[in-house]
C-alpha atoms as a PDB file:
ATOM      1  CA  MET A   1     118.464 115.139  96.039  1.00  0.00           C
ATOM      2  CA  HIS A   2     117.862 113.981  99.828  1.00  0.00           C
ATOM      3  CA  ILE A   3     113.644 113.612  99.943  1.00  0.00           C
ATOM      4  CA  ASP A   4     114.227 112.021  96.270  1.00  0.00           C
ATOM      5  CA  ARG A   5     115.851 109.491  97.891  1.00  0.00           C
ATOM      6  CA  PHE A   6     114.406 109.036 101.401  1.00  0.00           C
ATOM      7  CA  GLU A   7     110.828 108.146  99.741  1.00  0.00           C
ATOM      8  CA  GLU A   8     112.797 105.547  96.902  1.00  0.00           C
ATOM      9  CA  TYR A   9     114.088 103.910 100.236  1.00  0.00           C
ATOM     10  CA  LEU A  10     110.803 104.043 102.053  1.00  0.00           C
ATOM     11  CA  GLU A  11     108.800 102.593  98.885  1.00  0.00           C
ATOM     12  CA  THR A  12     110.952  99.758  98.476  1.00  0.00           C
ATOM     13  CA  ILE A  13     111.206  98.668 101.704  1.00  0.00           C
ATOM     14  CA  LEU A  14     107.387  99.019 101.931  1.00  0.00           C
ATOM     15  CA  TYR A  15     107.343  97.237  98.427  1.00  0.00           C
ATOM     16  CA  LEU A  16     110.127  93.923 100.118  1.00  0.00           C
ATOM     17  CA  ILE A  17     108.183  94.119 103.426  1.00  0.00           C
ATOM     18  CA  ARG A  18     104.465  93.145 101.345  1.00  0.00           C
ATOM     19  CA  LYS A  19     106.857  90.423  99.417  1.00  0.00           C
ATOM     20  CA  ASN A  20     108.569  89.367 101.980  1.00  0.00           C
ATOM     21  CA  GLN A  21     105.619  88.904 104.466  1.00  0.00           C
ATOM     22  CA  SER A  22     108.577  90.021 107.104  1.00  0.00           C
ATOM     23  CA  PRO A  23     111.036  92.877 107.465  1.00  0.00           C
ATOM     24  CA  ALA A  24     113.041  93.749 104.653  1.00  0.00           C
ATOM     25  CA  LYS A  25     116.459  93.063 104.684  1.00  0.00           C
ATOM     26  CA  THR A  26     119.262  94.885 103.769  1.00  0.00           C
ATOM     27  CA  LYS A  27     120.939  93.283 100.982  1.00  0.00           C
ATOM     28  CA  GLN A  28     117.374  92.828  99.798  1.00  0.00           C
ATOM     29  CA  ILE A  29     117.507  96.514  99.539  1.00  0.00           C
ATOM     30  CA  SER A  30     120.753  96.898  98.240  1.00  0.00           C
ATOM     31  CA  GLU A  31     120.048  94.589  95.523  1.00  0.00           C
ATOM     32  CA  GLU A  32     116.640  96.194  94.585  1.00  0.00           C
ATOM     33  CA  LEU A  33     118.376 100.029  94.301  1.00  0.00           C
ATOM     34  CA  ASN A  34     121.094  98.629  92.785  1.00  0.00           C
ATOM     35  CA  VAL A  35     123.577 100.412  95.455  1.00  0.00           C
ATOM     36  CA  SER A  36     126.375  99.337  97.815  1.00  0.00           C
ATOM     37  CA  PRO A  37     125.129  97.516 101.392  1.00  0.00           C
ATOM     38  CA  PRO A  38     127.194 100.148 103.481  1.00  0.00           C
ATOM     39  CA  SER A  39     125.679 102.992 101.453  1.00  0.00           C
ATOM     40  CA  VAL A  40     121.721 101.019 102.647  1.00  0.00           C
ATOM     41  CA  THR A  41     123.287 101.252 106.227  1.00  0.00           C
ATOM     42  CA  GLU A  42     124.334 104.868 106.379  1.00  0.00           C
ATOM     43  CA  MET A  43     120.608 105.991 104.566  1.00  0.00           C
ATOM     44  CA  ILE A  44     118.697 103.570 107.028  1.00  0.00           C
ATOM     45  CA  LYS A  45     120.626 104.787 109.917  1.00  0.00           C
ATOM     46  CA  LYS A  46     119.030 108.465 108.601  1.00  0.00           C
ATOM     47  CA  LEU A  47     115.859 106.902 108.379  1.00  0.00           C
ATOM     48  CA  HIS A  48     115.997 105.911 111.174  1.00  0.00           C
ATOM     49  CA  SER A  49     117.016 109.413 113.054  1.00  0.00           C
ATOM     50  CA  SER A  50     114.002 110.632 111.154  1.00  0.00           C
ATOM     51  CA  GLY A  51     111.473 108.086 112.997  1.00  0.00           C
ATOM     52  CA  LEU A  52     110.353 106.480 109.474  1.00  0.00           C
ATOM     53  CA  VAL A  53     112.151 102.821 110.336  1.00  0.00           C
ATOM     54  CA  GLU A  54     113.355 100.379 113.076  1.00  0.00           C
ATOM     55  CA  TYR A  55     115.724  98.121 112.462  1.00  0.00           C
ATOM     56  CA  THR A  56     116.989  94.858 114.703  1.00  0.00           C
ATOM     57  CA  PRO A  57     119.952  92.914 113.452  1.00  0.00           C
ATOM     58  CA  TYR A  58     119.761  89.886 111.429  1.00  0.00           C
ATOM     59  CA  GLN A  59     115.552  90.334 111.033  1.00  0.00           C
ATOM     60  CA  GLY A  60     115.655  93.452 108.855  1.00  0.00           C
ATOM     61  CA  VAL A  61     113.941  96.859 108.555  1.00  0.00           C
ATOM     62  CA  GLU A  62     110.320  97.889 109.234  1.00  0.00           C
ATOM     63  CA  LEU A  63     108.365 101.153 109.004  1.00  0.00           C
ATOM     64  CA  THR A  64     107.139 102.976 111.753  1.00  0.00           C
ATOM     65  CA  LYS A  65     103.883 104.053 111.656  1.00  0.00           C
ATOM     66  CA  LYS A  66     105.117 107.560 110.458  1.00  0.00           C
ATOM     67  CA  GLY A  67     107.241 105.544 107.490  1.00  0.00           C
ATOM     68  CA  THR A  68     104.319 103.426 106.859  1.00  0.00           C
ATOM     69  CA  ASP A  69     102.550 106.640 106.407  1.00  0.00           C
ATOM     70  CA  GLN A  70     104.888 108.244 103.609  1.00  0.00           C
ATOM     71  CA  ALA A  71     105.677 104.502 102.533  1.00  0.00           C
ATOM     72  CA  ILE A  72     101.934 104.429 101.175  1.00  0.00           C
ATOM     73  CA  LYS A  73     101.876 107.832  99.883  1.00  0.00           C
ATOM     74  CA  ILE A  74     104.682 107.682  97.905  1.00  0.00           C
ATOM     75  CA  LYS A  75     103.242 104.335  96.461  1.00  0.00           C
ATOM     76  CA  ARG A  76     100.027 105.413  95.699  1.00  0.00           C
ATOM     77  CA  LYS A  77     101.620 108.280  93.906  1.00  0.00           C
ATOM     78  CA  HIS A  78     103.545 106.146  91.834  1.00  0.00           C
ATOM     79  CA  GLN A  79     100.199 103.680  90.926  1.00  0.00           C
ATOM     80  CA  VAL A  80      98.343 106.565  90.297  1.00  0.00           C
ATOM     81  CA  LEU A  81     101.039 107.737  87.658  1.00  0.00           C
ATOM     82  CA  GLU A  82     101.565 104.673  86.139  1.00  0.00           C
ATOM     83  CA  THR A  83      97.810 103.884  85.572  1.00  0.00           C
ATOM     84  CA  PHE A  84      97.502 107.267  83.538  1.00  0.00           C
ATOM     85  CA  LEU A  85     100.552 106.697  81.617  1.00  0.00           C
ATOM     86  CA  VAL A  86      99.300 103.332  80.814  1.00  0.00           C
ATOM     87  CA  ASP A  87      96.091 104.400  80.369  1.00  0.00           C
ATOM     88  CA  VAL A  88      95.356 107.199  78.915  1.00  0.00           C
ATOM     89  CA  LEU A  89      99.385 108.136  77.288  1.00  0.00           C
ATOM     90  CA  ASP A  90      99.215 104.198  76.066  1.00  0.00           C
ATOM     91  CA  PHE A  91     102.854 103.507  77.615  1.00  0.00           C
ATOM     92  CA  ASP A  92     103.633  99.785  77.960  1.00  0.00           C
ATOM     93  CA  ARG A  93     103.951  98.528  81.250  1.00  0.00           C
ATOM     94  CA  LYS A  94     107.626  98.732  81.960  1.00  0.00           C
ATOM     95  CA  GLU A  95     108.266 102.143  80.464  1.00  0.00           C
ATOM     96  CA  ALA A  96     105.418 103.362  82.572  1.00  0.00           C
ATOM     97  CA  HIS A  97     107.234 101.828  85.762  1.00  0.00           C
ATOM     98  CA  LYS A  98     110.309 103.419  84.873  1.00  0.00           C
ATOM     99  CA  GLU A  99     108.645 107.273  83.946  1.00  0.00           C
ATOM    100  CA  ALA A 100     106.441 106.952  87.182  1.00  0.00           C
ATOM    101  CA  CYS A 101     109.290 106.563  89.162  1.00  0.00           C
ATOM    102  CA  GLU A 102     111.015 109.724  88.001  1.00  0.00           C
ATOM    103  CA  LEU A 103     107.648 111.579  87.811  1.00  0.00           C
ATOM    104  CA  GLU A 104     106.109 110.512  91.710  1.00  0.00           C
ATOM    105  CA  HIS A 105     109.332 112.814  93.472  1.00  0.00           C
ATOM    106  CA  ALA A 106     107.986 116.157  91.106  1.00  0.00           C
ATOM    107  CA  VAL A 107     104.094 116.092  91.091  1.00  0.00           C
ATOM    108  CA  SER A 108     102.126 117.640  93.664  1.00  0.00           C
ATOM    109  CA  ASP A 109      99.324 115.947  95.853  1.00  0.00           C
ATOM    110  CA  ALA A 110      96.910 118.588  94.710  1.00  0.00           C
ATOM    111  CA  VAL A 111      98.173 117.729  90.459  1.00  0.00           C
ATOM    112  CA  LEU A 112      97.900 114.080  91.866  1.00  0.00           C
ATOM    113  CA  GLU A 113      94.338 114.223  93.211  1.00  0.00           C
ATOM    114  CA  LYS A 114      93.016 115.916  89.612  1.00  0.00           C
ATOM    115  CA  ILE A 115      94.858 113.054  87.838  1.00  0.00           C
ATOM    116  CA  TYR A 116      93.249 110.443  90.036  1.00  0.00           C
ATOM    117  CA  GLU A 117      89.535 111.958  89.469  1.00  0.00           C
ATOM    118  CA  PHE A 118      90.007 112.272  86.187  1.00  0.00           C
ATOM    119  CA  LEU A 119      91.399 108.786  85.566  1.00  0.00           C
ATOM    120  CA  GLY A 120      87.776 107.958  87.261  1.00  0.00           C
ATOM    121  CA  CYS A 121      89.545 106.717  91.257  1.00  0.00           C
ATOM    122  CA  PRO A 122      90.649 103.564  89.740  1.00  0.00           C
ATOM    123  CA  GLU A 123      90.481 100.876  92.776  1.00  0.00           C
ATOM    124  CA  TYR A 124      93.621  99.165  91.247  1.00  0.00           C
ATOM    125  CA  CYS A 125      97.025  99.786  88.871  1.00  0.00           C
ATOM    126  CA  PRO A 126      97.910  98.537  85.886  1.00  0.00           C
ATOM    127  CA  ASP A 127      99.636  95.615  88.216  1.00  0.00           C
ATOM    128  CA  GLY A 128      96.688  94.618  89.582  1.00  0.00           C
ATOM    129  CA  ASN A 129      97.399  96.147  93.148  1.00  0.00           C
ATOM    130  CA  PRO A 130      94.720  98.105  95.026  1.00  0.00           C
ATOM    131  CA  ILE A 131      95.978 101.623  94.488  1.00  0.00           C
ATOM    132  CA  ASN A 132      94.971 102.311  97.932  1.00  0.00           C
ATOM    133  CA  ILE A 133      97.017  99.914 100.503  1.00  0.00           C
ATOM    134  CA  ASP A 134      95.374  99.198 104.130  1.00  0.00           C
ATOM    135  CA  LYS A 135      97.991 101.095 106.362  1.00  0.00           C
ATOM    136  CA  ASN A 136      96.884  98.667 109.065  1.00  0.00           C
ATOM    137  CA  ASN A 137      97.584  95.302 106.940  1.00  0.00           C
ATOM    138  CA  ILE A 138     100.739  96.331 104.886  1.00  0.00           C
ATOM    139  CA  ARG A 139     102.244  92.653 104.391  1.00  0.00           C
ATOM    140  CA  GLN A 140      98.813  91.576 102.463  1.00  0.00           C
ATOM    141  CA  GLU A 141     100.044  90.917  98.872  1.00  0.00           C
ATOM    142  CA  GLU A 142      99.072  89.225  96.291  1.00  0.00           C
ATOM    143  CA  SER A 143     100.967  88.111  93.215  1.00  0.00           C
ATOM    144  CA  PHE A 144      98.907  87.811  89.953  1.00  0.00           C
ATOM    145  CA  ILE A 145      99.556  87.582  86.370  1.00  0.00           C
ATOM    146  CA  PRO A 146      97.799  89.675  83.575  1.00  0.00           C
ATOM    147  CA  LEU A 147      95.963  87.237  81.047  1.00  0.00           C
ATOM    148  CA  ASP A 148      97.670  88.750  78.454  1.00  0.00           C
ATOM    149  CA  GLU A 149     100.909  87.551  79.731  1.00  0.00           C
ATOM    150  CA  MET A 150     100.050  84.256  80.430  1.00  0.00           C
ATOM    151  CA  GLU A 151     101.381  81.490  78.294  1.00  0.00           C
ATOM    152  CA  GLU A 152      99.580  79.375  75.555  1.00  0.00           C
ATOM    153  CA  GLY A 153      98.364  76.341  77.684  1.00  0.00           C
ATOM    154  CA  SER A 154      98.416  77.623  81.207  1.00  0.00           C
ATOM    155  CA  SER A 155      95.666  78.212  83.515  1.00  0.00           C
ATOM    156  CA  GLY A 156      94.906  79.639  86.481  1.00  0.00           C
ATOM    157  CA  LYS A 157      91.532  81.655  88.239  1.00  0.00           C
ATOM    158  CA  VAL A 158      90.922  84.819  87.642  1.00  0.00           C
ATOM    159  CA  ALA A 159      91.256  87.019  90.499  1.00  0.00           C
ATOM    160  CA  ARG A 160      90.929  90.119  89.611  1.00  0.00           C
ATOM    161  CA  VAL A 161      89.273  91.979  86.473  1.00  0.00           C
ATOM    162  CA  THR A 162      89.973  95.781  86.345  1.00  0.00           C
ATOM    163  CA  LEU A 163      88.172  97.139  83.252  1.00  0.00           C
ATOM    164  CA  PRO A 164      84.451  99.437  83.616  1.00  0.00           C
ATOM    165  CA  ARG A 165      81.403  98.577  85.057  1.00  0.00           C
ATOM    166  CA  GLU A 166      80.189  97.870  81.173  1.00  0.00           C
ATOM    167  CA  THR A 167      82.778  95.846  80.288  1.00  0.00           C
ATOM    168  CA  LYS A 168      82.703  93.764  83.694  1.00  0.00           C
ATOM    169  CA  GLU A 169      79.355  92.663  82.580  1.00  0.00           C
ATOM    170  CA  ARG A 170      79.916  91.537  79.456  1.00  0.00           C
ATOM    171  CA  LEU A 171      82.816  89.511  80.392  1.00  0.00           C
ATOM    172  CA  THR A 172      80.771  88.089  83.512  1.00  0.00           C
ATOM    173  CA  SER A 173      78.120  86.846  81.218  1.00  0.00           C
ATOM    174  CA  LEU A 174      80.570  85.042  79.230  1.00  0.00           C
ATOM    175  CA  GLY A 175      81.546  83.520  81.940  1.00  0.00           C
ATOM    176  CA  ILE A 176      84.496  85.004  82.781  1.00  0.00           C
ATOM    177  CA  LEU A 177      84.605  86.793  86.604  1.00  0.00           C
ATOM    178  CA  THR A 178      86.653  86.199  89.704  1.00  0.00           C
ATOM    179  CA  GLY A 179      87.369  83.066  90.641  1.00  0.00           C
ATOM    180  CA  GLU A 180      86.012  81.055  87.710  1.00  0.00           C
ATOM    181  CA  ASP A 181      88.752  78.600  86.111  1.00  0.00           C
ATOM    182  CA  ILE A 182      90.134  79.857  82.740  1.00  0.00           C
ATOM    183  CA  GLU A 183      92.609  78.404  80.122  1.00  0.00           C
ATOM    184  CA  ILE A 184      94.746  79.641  77.778  1.00  0.00           C
ATOM    185  CA  ARG A 185      94.478  78.221  74.464  1.00  0.00           C
ATOM    186  CA  ARG A 186      95.780  80.149  72.190  1.00  0.00           C
ATOM    187  CA  LYS A 187      97.910  83.750  71.494  1.00  0.00           C
ATOM    188  CA  GLN A 188      97.750  84.730  67.902  1.00  0.00           C
ATOM    189  CA  LYS A 189     100.512  87.031  66.638  1.00  0.00           C
ATOM    190  CA  GLN A 190      97.564  90.734  66.172  1.00  0.00           C
ATOM    191  CA  GLY A 191      97.139  90.664  69.831  1.00  0.00           C
ATOM    192  CA  CYS A 192      93.941  88.695  70.422  1.00  0.00           C
ATOM    193  CA  ILE A 193      93.876  85.591  73.054  1.00  0.00           C
ATOM    194  CA  SER A 194      91.584  82.342  72.876  1.00  0.00           C
ATOM    195  CA  VAL A 195      91.167  81.551  75.817  1.00  0.00           C
ATOM    196  CA  ILE A 196      88.315  78.470  77.914  1.00  0.00           C
ATOM    197  CA  VAL A 197      86.033  79.075  80.001  1.00  0.00           C
ATOM    198  CA  VAL A 198      82.927  77.625  81.902  1.00  0.00           C
ATOM    199  CA  GLY A 199      83.986  74.926  78.496  1.00  0.00           C
ATOM    200  CA  SER A 200      83.342  77.852  75.786  1.00  0.00           C
ATOM    201  CA  GLU A 201      86.405  79.189  73.866  1.00  0.00           C
ATOM    202  CA  ILE A 202      86.283  83.313  74.042  1.00  0.00           C
ATOM    203  CA  ALA A 203      88.257  86.023  71.923  1.00  0.00           C
ATOM    204  CA  LEU A 204      89.289  88.840  73.945  1.00  0.00           C
ATOM    205  CA  GLY A 205      91.340  91.372  73.063  1.00  0.00           C
ATOM    206  CA  ARG A 206      94.692  92.505  74.208  1.00  0.00           C
ATOM    207  CA  ASP A 207      93.234  95.860  75.776  1.00  0.00           C
ATOM    208  CA  ILE A 208      91.093  93.399  77.629  1.00  0.00           C
ATOM    209  CA  ALA A 209      93.400  90.720  78.394  1.00  0.00           C
ATOM    210  CA  LYS A 210      95.520  93.106  80.418  1.00  0.00           C
ATOM    211  CA  LYS A 211      93.066  94.324  82.794  1.00  0.00           C
ATOM    212  CA  ILE A 212      92.618  90.310  83.505  1.00  0.00           C
ATOM    213  CA  PHE A 213      94.422  89.220  86.610  1.00  0.00           C
ATOM    214  CA  ILE A 214      95.351  85.020  86.924  1.00  0.00           C
ATOM    215  CA  ALA A 215      96.224  83.625  89.937  1.00  0.00           C
ATOM    216  CA  PRO A 216      98.453  81.048  87.369  1.00  0.00           C
ATOM    217  CA  LYS A 217      98.103  77.128  88.400  1.00  0.00           C
ATOM    218  CA  SER A 218      99.926  74.399  86.356  1.00  0.00           C
ATOM    219  CA  LYS A 219     101.140  74.762  82.840  1.00  0.00           C
ATOM    220  CA  ARG A 220      98.760  71.775  80.695  1.00  0.00           C
ATOM    221  CA  VAL A 221     101.443  68.955  79.447  1.00  0.00           C
END
């Protein structure tokens, strides 16, 4: 559908601007959406005529204020649905992403807000990215790795913990808090992950580990 396609492009352009810290290139849009460059050019013209984007040759595509508002709205919808699918229906993150892409165009704003409230108004989605993006600073994009996806022997700093307050307090008492160094000692088959933090080895379940986001450092040799 026409509106669905507009939304898909706007969300992709927003993602690329945040990733690049600069305008989205038409070649990147083509690769992300798996469409031909001429199709991208045609859609950019339509978005421009609707007042949603500005295009500068050899530089790329920027969102207008109107385009930014719409892109953030659809991005937020995607993130809330993804959070619901992961946290409530126990989808894995990749499947949740695919399903949210389908659902985001069909769910009304009223239903979305009810889901958001049901989830307890979370700050972050399963990827560790903020659900409520600052419209005045859309290029602020941070890249963290969930603890459960890090390799044995790798290390980094705890960047974000997206768990309920009681669980966060328990982890803080163990030394797992923002800014603290952490090393992945062992990943066991049953899903338990052993980490070293403030000199102690701690075992964490996968459900906890996937909600702890790490700014990675070098892998141990």
